[in-house]
Amino acid sequence: MEEEKGTEQNEQITMEKQPNSQPAPLSKNAQKKLLKQQKWEAKKLEKKAQVKEQKMKEAERKRKEWEEKLSICASEEERLKLIESRRELRKERMEKRAEEKEDKVQRLSKAKESGQNIVIDLEFADLMTTSEIHSLVQQIMYCYAVNGRCTSPGHLWLTGCRGEMENQLQRLPGFDKWIIEKESQSYIDALQDQKENLVYLTADSETVLDELDLKKIYIIGGLVDRNRWKGITMKKANEQGIQTAKLPIGSYLKMSSSQVLTVNQVVEILLKFVETKDWKASFFQVIPQRKRGETDSEDLQGVDGEELENEYDQYEKKKQCIEVHSTQ
């Protein structure tokens, strides 16, 4: 018995001496952000229930309106014509949606061959909470929706797509049918024959991205709340020996607060630049006015495009649900 107690004590001492591999505790600011996000999630559920109720009321209103139209028909012939007219209208809408969907499929398929390659690096999932992963999944959903509406869409990649990140992505309606590259491997493995063309977009880079090169493959770090992991993307790129760059912040916008953007904003900025070849126009179409501060129209300074701001992410998530579902 004494030997067993001694063994247990030695094991306990050994465990206490082992270095703590867990990240540092959340700062007060990070805790406030997390609490704010949790409150927002609760409010989101309440809002979702309200929207559902509103939709049911609207459906009931339309049903009664239709029944009233039928009831005031002067004859059975007029009633049948009204019904046929409604059927034709529905048919036209369905045909238009089918045409739009086919056009979207063709554009995205063509982008796989000739579009700008954009990678979202999902290997940071183990550094994020479940709610942060959910936030990133929402941003990815928005990225795909925006890309599908572009006249010149990019060739999107999801690398390191596994574990909880993959589980949450699989819950998205129609995810299996997305025209996008899904890799469980890291981009460094999946694109090993293109290593010289890999460019990690990070705010810590000294290289400013003046133009987009179709030969290059631009990587965006999929990490929410970078305040806990400052410099992690730059360090990763340096260790892998790949190029880095940052968006031309100082040339076009003057941010009103911290120079932070969500993953979907960075993707949308890149897609806008592919179409316009104009950084200023791309920034101003994507960055909300409240983030730009008081800027002179002829004296503007820039945005970064690398990190994530929690508060703005909440605004984007509301926007995402509307815009993504409209593309289904």
C-alpha atoms as a PDB file:
ATOM      1  CA  MET A   1       0.000   0.000   0.000  1.00  0.00           C
ATOM      2  CA  GLU A   2       2.809   2.401   0.915  1.00  0.00           C
ATOM      3  CA  GLU A   3       4.547   1.620  -2.383  1.00  0.00           C
ATOM      4  CA  GLU A   4       1.297   2.391  -4.274  1.00  0.00           C
ATOM      5  CA  LYS A   5       0.898   5.697  -2.406  1.00  0.00           C
ATOM      6  CA  GLY A   6       4.504   6.571  -3.212  1.00  0.00           C
ATOM      7  CA  THR A   7       3.964   5.764  -6.849  1.00  0.00           C
ATOM      8  CA  GLU A   8       0.817   7.951  -6.966  1.00  0.00           C
ATOM      9  CA  GLN A   9       2.683  10.834  -5.295  1.00  0.00           C
ATOM     10  CA  ASN A  10       5.555  10.542  -7.780  1.00  0.00           C
ATOM     11  CA  GLU A  11       3.091  10.550 -10.700  1.00  0.00           C
ATOM     12  CA  GLN A  12       1.378  13.608  -9.260  1.00  0.00           C
ATOM     13  CA  ILE A  13       4.707  15.444  -8.877  1.00  0.00           C
ATOM     14  CA  THR A  14       5.697  14.478 -12.422  1.00  0.00           C
ATOM     15  CA  MET A  15       2.384  15.796 -13.793  1.00  0.00           C
ATOM     16  CA  GLU A  16       2.809  19.057 -11.881  1.00  0.00           C
ATOM     17  CA  LYS A  17       6.278  19.523 -13.366  1.00  0.00           C
ATOM     18  CA  GLN A  18       5.059  19.049 -16.931  1.00  0.00           C
ATOM     19  CA  PRO A  19       4.740  22.333 -18.816  1.00  0.00           C
ATOM     20  CA  ASN A  20       1.225  23.594 -19.397  1.00  0.00           C
ATOM     21  CA  SER A  21       0.476  23.201 -23.112  1.00  0.00           C
ATOM     22  CA  GLN A  22      -2.825  25.079 -22.817  1.00  0.00           C
ATOM     23  CA  PRO A  23      -3.023  28.691 -24.076  1.00  0.00           C
ATOM     24  CA  ALA A  24      -2.957  31.520 -21.550  1.00  0.00           C
ATOM     25  CA  PRO A  25      -6.247  32.340 -19.821  1.00  0.00           C
ATOM     26  CA  LEU A  26      -8.503  34.817 -21.581  1.00  0.00           C
ATOM     27  CA  SER A  27      -7.824  38.467 -20.825  1.00  0.00           C
ATOM     28  CA  LYS A  28     -10.600  40.612 -19.363  1.00  0.00           C
ATOM     29  CA  ASN A  29     -11.157  42.136 -22.774  1.00  0.00           C
ATOM     30  CA  ALA A  30     -11.391  38.705 -24.401  1.00  0.00           C
ATOM     31  CA  GLN A  31     -13.804  37.551 -21.685  1.00  0.00           C
ATOM     32  CA  LYS A  32     -16.000  40.573 -22.366  1.00  0.00           C
ATOM     33  CA  LYS A  33     -15.960  39.776 -26.076  1.00  0.00           C
ATOM     34  CA  LEU A  34     -16.884  36.156 -25.398  1.00  0.00           C
ATOM     35  CA  LEU A  35     -19.729  37.196 -23.099  1.00  0.00           C
ATOM     36  CA  LYS A  36     -20.924  39.658 -25.711  1.00  0.00           C
ATOM     37  CA  GLN A  37     -20.907  36.943 -28.351  1.00  0.00           C
ATOM     38  CA  GLN A  38     -22.828  34.549 -26.077  1.00  0.00           C
ATOM     39  CA  LYS A  39     -25.458  37.224 -25.467  1.00  0.00           C
ATOM     40  CA  TRP A  40     -25.642  37.827 -29.190  1.00  0.00           C
ATOM     41  CA  GLU A  41     -26.172  34.105 -29.824  1.00  0.00           C
ATOM     42  CA  ALA A  42     -29.073  34.090 -27.348  1.00  0.00           C
ATOM     43  CA  LYS A  43     -30.542  37.163 -29.005  1.00  0.00           C
ATOM     44  CA  LYS A  44     -30.066  35.513 -32.393  1.00  0.00           C
ATOM     45  CA  LEU A  45     -32.193  32.540 -31.336  1.00  0.00           C
ATOM     46  CA  GLU A  46     -34.904  34.895 -30.117  1.00  0.00           C
ATOM     47  CA  LYS A  47     -34.747  36.826 -33.388  1.00  0.00           C
ATOM     48  CA  LYS A  48     -34.904  33.586 -35.373  1.00  0.00           C
ATOM     49  CA  ALA A  49     -38.120  32.639 -33.594  1.00  0.00           C
ATOM     50  CA  GLN A  50     -39.575  36.078 -34.319  1.00  0.00           C
ATOM     51  CA  VAL A  51     -38.645  35.818 -38.014  1.00  0.00           C
ATOM     52  CA  LYS A  52     -40.248  32.367 -38.205  1.00  0.00           C
ATOM     53  CA  GLU A  53     -43.447  33.682 -36.672  1.00  0.00           C
ATOM     54  CA  GLN A  54     -43.427  36.643 -39.048  1.00  0.00           C
ATOM     55  CA  LYS A  55     -43.008  34.335 -42.057  1.00  0.00           C
ATOM     56  CA  MET A  56     -45.940  32.217 -40.920  1.00  0.00           C
ATOM     57  CA  LYS A  57     -48.111  35.324 -40.585  1.00  0.00           C
ATOM     58  CA  GLU A  58     -47.031  36.519 -44.029  1.00  0.00           C
ATOM     59  CA  ALA A  59     -47.818  33.114 -45.556  1.00  0.00           C
ATOM     60  CA  GLU A  60     -51.255  33.189 -43.932  1.00  0.00           C
ATOM     61  CA  ARG A  61     -51.862  36.722 -45.235  1.00  0.00           C
ATOM     62  CA  LYS A  62     -50.956  35.678 -48.795  1.00  0.00           C
ATOM     63  CA  ARG A  63     -53.164  32.592 -48.559  1.00  0.00           C
ATOM     64  CA  LYS A  64     -56.171  34.668 -47.497  1.00  0.00           C
ATOM     65  CA  GLU A  65     -55.416  37.218 -50.196  1.00  0.00           C
ATOM     66  CA  TRP A  66     -55.375  34.472 -52.832  1.00  0.00           C
ATOM     67  CA  GLU A  67     -58.610  32.963 -51.576  1.00  0.00           C
ATOM     68  CA  GLU A  68     -60.231  36.390 -51.688  1.00  0.00           C
ATOM     69  CA  LYS A  69     -59.126  36.870 -55.314  1.00  0.00           C
ATOM     70  CA  LEU A  70     -60.659  33.532 -56.241  1.00  0.00           C
ATOM     71  CA  SER A  71     -63.895  34.288 -54.397  1.00  0.00           C
ATOM     72  CA  ILE A  72     -64.557  37.505 -56.321  1.00  0.00           C
ATOM     73  CA  CYS A  73     -64.181  35.893 -59.745  1.00  0.00           C
ATOM     74  CA  ALA A  74     -67.346  36.502 -61.762  1.00  0.00           C
ATOM     75  CA  SER A  75     -67.288  33.064 -63.388  1.00  0.00           C
ATOM     76  CA  GLU A  76     -65.630  29.664 -63.240  1.00  0.00           C
ATOM     77  CA  GLU A  77     -63.802  30.480 -66.473  1.00  0.00           C
ATOM     78  CA  GLU A  78     -62.301  33.620 -64.932  1.00  0.00           C
ATOM     79  CA  ARG A  79     -61.327  31.627 -61.861  1.00  0.00           C
ATOM     80  CA  LEU A  80     -59.505  28.991 -63.968  1.00  0.00           C
ATOM     81  CA  LYS A  81     -57.688  31.712 -65.915  1.00  0.00           C
ATOM     82  CA  LEU A  82     -56.470  33.241 -62.644  1.00  0.00           C
ATOM     83  CA  ILE A  83     -55.216  29.867 -61.429  1.00  0.00           C
ATOM     84  CA  GLU A  84     -53.457  29.198 -64.749  1.00  0.00           C
ATOM     85  CA  SER A  85     -51.875  32.655 -64.682  1.00  0.00           C
ATOM     86  CA  ARG A  86     -50.451  31.925 -61.231  1.00  0.00           C
ATOM     87  CA  ARG A  87     -49.054  28.587 -62.413  1.00  0.00           C
ATOM     88  CA  GLU A  88     -47.358  30.249 -65.383  1.00  0.00           C
ATOM     89  CA  LEU A  89     -45.805  32.885 -63.125  1.00  0.00           C
ATOM     90  CA  ARG A  90     -44.416  30.187 -60.824  1.00  0.00           C
ATOM     91  CA  LYS A  91     -43.079  28.281 -63.810  1.00  0.00           C
ATOM     92  CA  GLU A  92     -41.288  31.375 -65.115  1.00  0.00           C
ATOM     93  CA  ARG A  93     -39.710  31.983 -61.715  1.00  0.00           C
ATOM     94  CA  MET A  94     -38.515  28.381 -61.469  1.00  0.00           C
ATOM     95  CA  GLU A  95     -37.054  28.507 -64.989  1.00  0.00           C
ATOM     96  CA  LYS A  96     -35.261  31.760 -64.198  1.00  0.00           C
ATOM     97  CA  ARG A  97     -33.798  30.267 -61.013  1.00  0.00           C
ATOM     98  CA  ALA A  98     -32.698  27.175 -62.937  1.00  0.00           C
ATOM     99  CA  GLU A  99     -30.963  29.358 -65.540  1.00  0.00           C
ATOM    100  CA  GLU A 100     -29.233  31.420 -62.846  1.00  0.00           C
ATOM    101  CA  LYS A 101     -28.106  28.250 -61.086  1.00  0.00           C
ATOM    102  CA  GLU A 102     -26.729  26.761 -64.301  1.00  0.00           C
ATOM    103  CA  ASP A 103     -24.905  30.004 -65.088  1.00  0.00           C
ATOM    104  CA  LYS A 104     -23.426  29.995 -61.587  1.00  0.00           C
ATOM    105  CA  VAL A 105     -22.256  26.380 -61.972  1.00  0.00           C
ATOM    106  CA  GLN A 106     -20.580  27.199 -65.292  1.00  0.00           C
ATOM    107  CA  ARG A 107     -18.788  30.256 -63.886  1.00  0.00           C
ATOM    108  CA  LEU A 108     -17.546  28.391 -60.799  1.00  0.00           C
ATOM    109  CA  SER A 109     -16.453  25.396 -62.897  1.00  0.00           C
ATOM    110  CA  LYS A 110     -14.519  27.713 -65.219  1.00  0.00           C
ATOM    111  CA  ALA A 111     -12.927  29.386 -62.184  1.00  0.00           C
ATOM    112  CA  LYS A 112     -11.417  26.030 -61.173  1.00  0.00           C
ATOM    113  CA  GLU A 113      -9.362  26.198 -64.367  1.00  0.00           C
ATOM    114  CA  SER A 114      -8.632  29.901 -64.761  1.00  0.00           C
ATOM    115  CA  GLY A 115      -9.810  31.771 -61.648  1.00  0.00           C
ATOM    116  CA  GLN A 116      -7.698  33.392 -58.939  1.00  0.00           C
ATOM    117  CA  ASN A 117      -6.782  30.758 -56.342  1.00  0.00           C
ATOM    118  CA  ILE A 118      -7.748  31.751 -52.790  1.00  0.00           C
ATOM    119  CA  VAL A 119      -7.127  29.404 -49.856  1.00  0.00           C
ATOM    120  CA  ILE A 120      -8.761  29.606 -46.430  1.00  0.00           C
ATOM    121  CA  ASP A 121      -6.443  27.898 -43.955  1.00  0.00           C
ATOM    122  CA  LEU A 122      -8.551  25.955 -41.439  1.00  0.00           C
ATOM    123  CA  GLU A 123      -5.718  24.450 -39.406  1.00  0.00           C
ATOM    124  CA  PHE A 124      -6.324  26.758 -36.446  1.00  0.00           C
ATOM    125  CA  ALA A 125      -9.558  25.070 -35.349  1.00  0.00           C
ATOM    126  CA  ASP A 126      -7.911  23.592 -32.247  1.00  0.00           C
ATOM    127  CA  LEU A 127      -7.122  27.133 -31.047  1.00  0.00           C
ATOM    128  CA  MET A 128     -10.748  28.271 -31.174  1.00  0.00           C
ATOM    129  CA  THR A 129     -13.856  27.731 -29.087  1.00  0.00           C
ATOM    130  CA  THR A 130     -16.923  26.050 -30.585  1.00  0.00           C
ATOM    131  CA  SER A 131     -18.651  29.423 -30.969  1.00  0.00           C
ATOM    132  CA  GLU A 132     -15.590  30.860 -32.712  1.00  0.00           C
ATOM    133  CA  ILE A 133     -15.547  27.917 -35.123  1.00  0.00           C
ATOM    134  CA  HIS A 134     -19.226  28.538 -35.776  1.00  0.00           C
ATOM    135  CA  SER A 135     -18.444  32.183 -36.508  1.00  0.00           C
ATOM    136  CA  LEU A 136     -15.777  31.161 -39.025  1.00  0.00           C
ATOM    137  CA  VAL A 137     -18.153  28.677 -40.668  1.00  0.00           C
ATOM    138  CA  GLN A 138     -20.658  31.507 -41.159  1.00  0.00           C
ATOM    139  CA  GLN A 139     -17.948  33.594 -42.805  1.00  0.00           C
ATOM    140  CA  ILE A 140     -17.013  30.716 -45.128  1.00  0.00           C
ATOM    141  CA  MET A 141     -20.666  30.370 -46.095  1.00  0.00           C
ATOM    142  CA  TYR A 142     -20.732  34.063 -46.978  1.00  0.00           C
ATOM    143  CA  CYS A 143     -17.474  33.720 -48.961  1.00  0.00           C
ATOM    144  CA  TYR A 144     -19.004  31.007 -51.116  1.00  0.00           C
ATOM    145  CA  ALA A 145     -22.201  33.007 -51.696  1.00  0.00           C
ATOM    146  CA  VAL A 146     -20.295  36.151 -52.703  1.00  0.00           C
ATOM    147  CA  ASN A 147     -17.994  34.179 -54.983  1.00  0.00           C
ATOM    148  CA  GLY A 148     -20.973  32.566 -56.703  1.00  0.00           C
ATOM    149  CA  ARG A 149     -22.411  35.981 -57.581  1.00  0.00           C
ATOM    150  CA  CYS A 150     -19.188  37.324 -59.064  1.00  0.00           C
ATOM    151  CA  THR A 151     -18.908  37.657 -62.834  1.00  0.00           C
ATOM    152  CA  SER A 152     -15.294  36.503 -62.466  1.00  0.00           C
ATOM    153  CA  PRO A 153     -15.330  34.184 -59.429  1.00  0.00           C
ATOM    154  CA  GLY A 154     -12.219  32.878 -57.760  1.00  0.00           C
ATOM    155  CA  HIS A 155     -11.154  29.279 -57.231  1.00  0.00           C
ATOM    156  CA  LEU A 156     -11.765  28.812 -53.508  1.00  0.00           C
ATOM    157  CA  TRP A 157      -9.968  26.229 -51.363  1.00  0.00           C
ATOM    158  CA  LEU A 158     -10.647  25.003 -47.839  1.00  0.00           C
ATOM    159  CA  THR A 159      -7.535  23.269 -46.508  1.00  0.00           C
ATOM    160  CA  GLY A 160      -7.053  21.557 -43.157  1.00  0.00           C
ATOM    161  CA  CYS A 161     -10.786  20.847 -43.256  1.00  0.00           C
ATOM    162  CA  ARG A 162     -11.254  18.199 -40.590  1.00  0.00           C
ATOM    163  CA  GLY A 163     -12.490  17.583 -37.048  1.00  0.00           C
ATOM    164  CA  GLU A 164     -15.001  20.000 -35.524  1.00  0.00           C
ATOM    165  CA  MET A 165     -14.515  22.453 -38.383  1.00  0.00           C
ATOM    166  CA  GLU A 166     -15.527  19.835 -40.935  1.00  0.00           C
ATOM    167  CA  ASN A 167     -18.440  18.707 -38.752  1.00  0.00           C
ATOM    168  CA  GLN A 168     -19.886  22.214 -38.598  1.00  0.00           C
ATOM    169  CA  LEU A 169     -19.353  22.810 -42.326  1.00  0.00           C
ATOM    170  CA  GLN A 170     -21.158  19.560 -43.117  1.00  0.00           C
ATOM    171  CA  ARG A 171     -24.220  20.915 -41.312  1.00  0.00           C
ATOM    172  CA  LEU A 172     -24.567  23.714 -43.859  1.00  0.00           C
ATOM    173  CA  PRO A 173     -27.388  23.014 -46.350  1.00  0.00           C
ATOM    174  CA  GLY A 174     -25.954  21.842 -49.664  1.00  0.00           C
ATOM    175  CA  PHE A 175     -22.312  21.960 -48.529  1.00  0.00           C
ATOM    176  CA  ASP A 176     -21.531  18.657 -50.278  1.00  0.00           C
ATOM    177  CA  LYS A 177     -22.582  20.232 -53.584  1.00  0.00           C
ATOM    178  CA  TRP A 178     -20.415  23.335 -53.252  1.00  0.00           C
ATOM    179  CA  ILE A 179     -18.078  23.901 -56.202  1.00  0.00           C
ATOM    180  CA  ILE A 180     -15.037  24.448 -54.023  1.00  0.00           C
ATOM    181  CA  GLU A 181     -11.871  22.508 -53.183  1.00  0.00           C
ATOM    182  CA  LYS A 182     -12.133  20.733 -49.813  1.00  0.00           C
ATOM    183  CA  GLU A 183      -8.897  19.291 -48.471  1.00  0.00           C
ATOM    184  CA  SER A 184      -8.293  17.593 -45.145  1.00  0.00           C
ATOM    185  CA  GLN A 185      -4.584  18.130 -45.789  1.00  0.00           C
ATOM    186  CA  SER A 186      -2.707  21.343 -45.131  1.00  0.00           C
ATOM    187  CA  TYR A 187      -2.232  23.627 -48.137  1.00  0.00           C
ATOM    188  CA  ILE A 188       1.501  22.954 -47.862  1.00  0.00           C
ATOM    189  CA  ASP A 189       0.798  19.268 -48.603  1.00  0.00           C
ATOM    190  CA  ALA A 190      -2.170  19.625 -50.944  1.00  0.00           C
ATOM    191  CA  LEU A 191      -0.310  22.201 -53.047  1.00  0.00           C
ATOM    192  CA  GLN A 192       3.256  21.009 -52.546  1.00  0.00           C
ATOM    193  CA  ASP A 193       4.035  21.252 -56.267  1.00  0.00           C
ATOM    194  CA  GLN A 194       3.016  24.942 -56.121  1.00  0.00           C
ATOM    195  CA  LYS A 195       4.977  25.934 -53.016  1.00  0.00           C
ATOM    196  CA  GLU A 196       6.858  28.710 -54.805  1.00  0.00           C
ATOM    197  CA  ASN A 197       3.507  30.339 -55.649  1.00  0.00           C
ATOM    198  CA  LEU A 198       2.016  30.232 -52.143  1.00  0.00           C
ATOM    199  CA  VAL A 199       1.515  33.685 -50.569  1.00  0.00           C
ATOM    200  CA  TYR A 200       0.189  33.981 -47.016  1.00  0.00           C
ATOM    201  CA  LEU A 201      -1.756  37.213 -46.437  1.00  0.00           C
ATOM    202  CA  THR A 202      -0.792  38.479 -43.001  1.00  0.00           C
ATOM    203  CA  ALA A 203      -0.785  41.910 -41.389  1.00  0.00           C
ATOM    204  CA  ASP A 204       2.729  41.266 -40.055  1.00  0.00           C
ATOM    205  CA  SER A 205       4.303  41.025 -43.514  1.00  0.00           C
ATOM    206  CA  GLU A 206       6.554  43.821 -44.768  1.00  0.00           C
ATOM    207  CA  THR A 207       5.545  43.131 -48.381  1.00  0.00           C
ATOM    208  CA  VAL A 208       2.597  45.166 -49.655  1.00  0.00           C
ATOM    209  CA  LEU A 209       0.320  43.483 -52.163  1.00  0.00           C
ATOM    210  CA  ASP A 210       0.083  45.908 -55.085  1.00  0.00           C
ATOM    211  CA  GLU A 211      -1.331  43.515 -57.691  1.00  0.00           C
ATOM    212  CA  LEU A 212      -2.873  40.041 -57.822  1.00  0.00           C
ATOM    213  CA  ASP A 213      -1.029  37.412 -59.836  1.00  0.00           C
ATOM    214  CA  LEU A 214      -3.083  34.574 -61.334  1.00  0.00           C
ATOM    215  CA  LYS A 215      -0.100  32.281 -60.875  1.00  0.00           C
ATOM    216  CA  LYS A 216      -0.052  32.960 -57.133  1.00  0.00           C
ATOM    217  CA  ILE A 217      -2.176  31.180 -54.540  1.00  0.00           C
ATOM    218  CA  TYR A 218      -3.243  33.565 -51.774  1.00  0.00           C
ATOM    219  CA  ILE A 219      -3.819  32.124 -48.309  1.00  0.00           C
ATOM    220  CA  ILE A 220      -6.044  33.642 -45.627  1.00  0.00           C
ATOM    221  CA  GLY A 221      -5.751  32.456 -42.041  1.00  0.00           C
ATOM    222  CA  GLY A 222      -9.048  31.080 -40.728  1.00  0.00           C
ATOM    223  CA  LEU A 223      -8.640  32.183 -37.129  1.00  0.00           C
ATOM    224  CA  VAL A 224     -11.178  34.038 -35.003  1.00  0.00           C
ATOM    225  CA  ASP A 225      -9.977  36.293 -32.157  1.00  0.00           C
ATOM    226  CA  ARG A 226      -6.367  36.770 -33.206  1.00  0.00           C
ATOM    227  CA  ASN A 227      -5.718  38.837 -30.090  1.00  0.00           C
ATOM    228  CA  ARG A 228      -4.861  35.585 -28.303  1.00  0.00           C
ATOM    229  CA  TRP A 229      -2.501  34.439 -31.070  1.00  0.00           C
ATOM    230  CA  LYS A 230      -0.734  37.518 -32.406  1.00  0.00           C
ATOM    231  CA  GLY A 231       1.757  36.869 -35.207  1.00  0.00           C
ATOM    232  CA  ILE A 232       0.793  33.207 -35.552  1.00  0.00           C
ATOM    233  CA  THR A 233       0.169  33.312 -39.328  1.00  0.00           C
ATOM    234  CA  MET A 234       3.460  35.111 -40.042  1.00  0.00           C
ATOM    235  CA  LYS A 235       5.337  32.626 -37.886  1.00  0.00           C
ATOM    236  CA  LYS A 236       3.693  29.708 -39.671  1.00  0.00           C
ATOM    237  CA  ALA A 237       4.549  31.082 -43.116  1.00  0.00           C
ATOM    238  CA  ASN A 238       8.173  31.712 -42.113  1.00  0.00           C
ATOM    239  CA  GLU A 239       8.560  28.206 -40.721  1.00  0.00           C
ATOM    240  CA  GLN A 240       7.170  26.774 -43.965  1.00  0.00           C
ATOM    241  CA  GLY A 241       9.392  28.996 -46.085  1.00  0.00           C
ATOM    242  CA  ILE A 242       6.591  30.552 -48.140  1.00  0.00           C
ATOM    243  CA  GLN A 243       6.003  34.132 -49.255  1.00  0.00           C
ATOM    244  CA  THR A 244       3.895  36.622 -47.289  1.00  0.00           C
ATOM    245  CA  ALA A 245       2.108  39.868 -48.152  1.00  0.00           C
ATOM    246  CA  LYS A 246      -0.478  42.280 -46.779  1.00  0.00           C
ATOM    247  CA  LEU A 247      -3.216  44.343 -48.377  1.00  0.00           C
ATOM    248  CA  PRO A 248      -2.263  47.979 -49.122  1.00  0.00           C
ATOM    249  CA  ILE A 249      -3.761  49.482 -45.983  1.00  0.00           C
ATOM    250  CA  GLY A 250      -1.916  52.766 -45.784  1.00  0.00           C
ATOM    251  CA  SER A 251      -2.731  53.919 -49.293  1.00  0.00           C
ATOM    252  CA  TYR A 252      -6.521  54.034 -49.390  1.00  0.00           C
ATOM    253  CA  LEU A 253      -8.348  54.116 -46.057  1.00  0.00           C
ATOM    254  CA  LYS A 254      -8.099  55.649 -42.629  1.00  0.00           C
ATOM    255  CA  MET A 255      -9.665  53.230 -40.195  1.00  0.00           C
ATOM    256  CA  SER A 256     -11.772  54.684 -37.381  1.00  0.00           C
ATOM    257  CA  SER A 257     -10.604  51.970 -34.964  1.00  0.00           C
ATOM    258  CA  SER A 258      -8.361  48.915 -35.142  1.00  0.00           C
ATOM    259  CA  GLN A 259      -7.422  47.772 -38.630  1.00  0.00           C
ATOM    260  CA  VAL A 260      -9.230  44.449 -38.578  1.00  0.00           C
ATOM    261  CA  LEU A 261     -11.370  42.591 -41.097  1.00  0.00           C
ATOM    262  CA  THR A 262     -13.188  39.276 -41.181  1.00  0.00           C
ATOM    263  CA  VAL A 263     -12.134  36.403 -43.414  1.00  0.00           C
ATOM    264  CA  ASN A 264     -15.121  36.970 -45.695  1.00  0.00           C
ATOM    265  CA  GLN A 265     -14.234  40.661 -46.064  1.00  0.00           C
ATOM    266  CA  VAL A 266     -10.719  39.798 -47.199  1.00  0.00           C
ATOM    267  CA  VAL A 267     -12.061  37.264 -49.719  1.00  0.00           C
ATOM    268  CA  GLU A 268     -14.603  39.772 -51.018  1.00  0.00           C
ATOM    269  CA  ILE A 269     -11.943  42.485 -51.359  1.00  0.00           C
ATOM    270  CA  LEU A 270      -9.766  40.135 -53.420  1.00  0.00           C
ATOM    271  CA  LEU A 271     -12.729  39.203 -55.628  1.00  0.00           C
ATOM    272  CA  LYS A 272     -13.650  42.859 -56.115  1.00  0.00           C
ATOM    273  CA  PHE A 273     -10.074  43.654 -57.129  1.00  0.00           C
ATOM    274  CA  VAL A 274     -10.109  40.808 -59.665  1.00  0.00           C
ATOM    275  CA  GLU A 275     -13.100  42.501 -61.317  1.00  0.00           C
ATOM    276  CA  THR A 276     -12.164  46.176 -60.917  1.00  0.00           C
ATOM    277  CA  LYS A 277      -8.338  46.191 -60.715  1.00  0.00           C
ATOM    278  CA  ASP A 278      -8.894  49.058 -58.274  1.00  0.00           C
ATOM    279  CA  TRP A 279      -7.953  48.689 -54.593  1.00  0.00           C
ATOM    280  CA  LYS A 280      -9.729  51.897 -53.568  1.00  0.00           C
ATOM    281  CA  ALA A 281     -13.024  50.814 -55.156  1.00  0.00           C
ATOM    282  CA  SER A 282     -12.653  47.324 -53.709  1.00  0.00           C
ATOM    283  CA  PHE A 283     -12.095  48.613 -50.177  1.00  0.00           C
ATOM    284  CA  PHE A 284     -14.939  51.113 -50.329  1.00  0.00           C
ATOM    285  CA  GLN A 285     -17.423  48.536 -51.625  1.00  0.00           C
ATOM    286  CA  VAL A 286     -16.604  46.078 -48.830  1.00  0.00           C
ATOM    287  CA  ILE A 287     -15.545  48.074 -45.757  1.00  0.00           C
ATOM    288  CA  PRO A 288     -18.542  49.644 -43.937  1.00  0.00           C
ATOM    289  CA  GLN A 289     -18.444  53.414 -43.646  1.00  0.00           C
ATOM    290  CA  ARG A 290     -18.399  53.379 -39.855  1.00  0.00           C
ATOM    291  CA  LYS A 291     -15.054  51.537 -39.989  1.00  0.00           C
ATOM    292  CA  ARG A 292     -13.395  54.100 -42.237  1.00  0.00           C
ATOM    293  CA  GLY A 293     -13.433  57.038 -39.850  1.00  0.00           C
ATOM    294  CA  GLU A 294     -13.544  60.609 -41.086  1.00  0.00           C
ATOM    295  CA  THR A 295     -11.780  60.441 -44.438  1.00  0.00           C
ATOM    296  CA  ASP A 296     -11.251  62.985 -47.155  1.00  0.00           C
ATOM    297  CA  SER A 297     -12.328  61.632 -50.533  1.00  0.00           C
ATOM    298  CA  GLU A 298      -8.945  62.590 -52.004  1.00  0.00           C
ATOM    299  CA  ASP A 299      -6.772  61.839 -49.003  1.00  0.00           C
ATOM    300  CA  LEU A 300      -7.498  58.235 -48.009  1.00  0.00           C
ATOM    301  CA  GLN A 301      -5.444  55.693 -46.159  1.00  0.00           C
ATOM    302  CA  GLY A 302      -5.699  51.930 -45.995  1.00  0.00           C
ATOM    303  CA  VAL A 303      -7.087  48.780 -44.584  1.00  0.00           C
ATOM    304  CA  ASP A 304      -5.342  45.633 -43.673  1.00  0.00           C
ATOM    305  CA  GLY A 305      -7.589  42.652 -44.225  1.00  0.00           C
ATOM    306  CA  GLU A 306      -5.988  40.055 -41.985  1.00  0.00           C
ATOM    307  CA  GLU A 307      -7.616  39.898 -38.586  1.00  0.00           C
ATOM    308  CA  LEU A 308     -11.128  39.534 -37.194  1.00  0.00           C
ATOM    309  CA  GLU A 309     -13.171  42.031 -35.242  1.00  0.00           C
ATOM    310  CA  ASN A 310     -15.752  40.321 -33.085  1.00  0.00           C
ATOM    311  CA  GLU A 311     -18.331  43.087 -33.088  1.00  0.00           C
ATOM    312  CA  TYR A 312     -18.356  43.519 -36.862  1.00  0.00           C
ATOM    313  CA  ASP A 313     -18.479  39.766 -37.282  1.00  0.00           C
ATOM    314  CA  GLN A 314     -21.854  39.777 -35.550  1.00  0.00           C
ATOM    315  CA  TYR A 315     -23.160  42.316 -38.075  1.00  0.00           C
ATOM    316  CA  GLU A 316     -21.811  40.248 -40.945  1.00  0.00           C
ATOM    317  CA  LYS A 317     -23.433  37.049 -39.661  1.00  0.00           C
ATOM    318  CA  LYS A 318     -26.860  38.678 -39.841  1.00  0.00           C
ATOM    319  CA  LYS A 319     -26.126  39.777 -43.387  1.00  0.00           C
ATOM    320  CA  GLN A 320     -24.812  36.350 -44.365  1.00  0.00           C
ATOM    321  CA  CYS A 321     -28.011  34.462 -43.533  1.00  0.00           C
ATOM    322  CA  ILE A 322     -30.051  36.673 -45.861  1.00  0.00           C
ATOM    323  CA  GLU A 323     -27.610  36.759 -48.768  1.00  0.00           C
ATOM    324  CA  VAL A 324     -26.583  33.110 -48.725  1.00  0.00           C
ATOM    325  CA  HIS A 325     -30.124  31.740 -48.634  1.00  0.00           C
ATOM    326  CA  SER A 326     -31.044  34.002 -51.531  1.00  0.00           C
ATOM    327  CA  THR A 327     -28.563  32.096 -53.692  1.00  0.00           C
ATOM    328  CA  GLN A 328     -29.970  28.665 -53.010  1.00  0.00           C
END
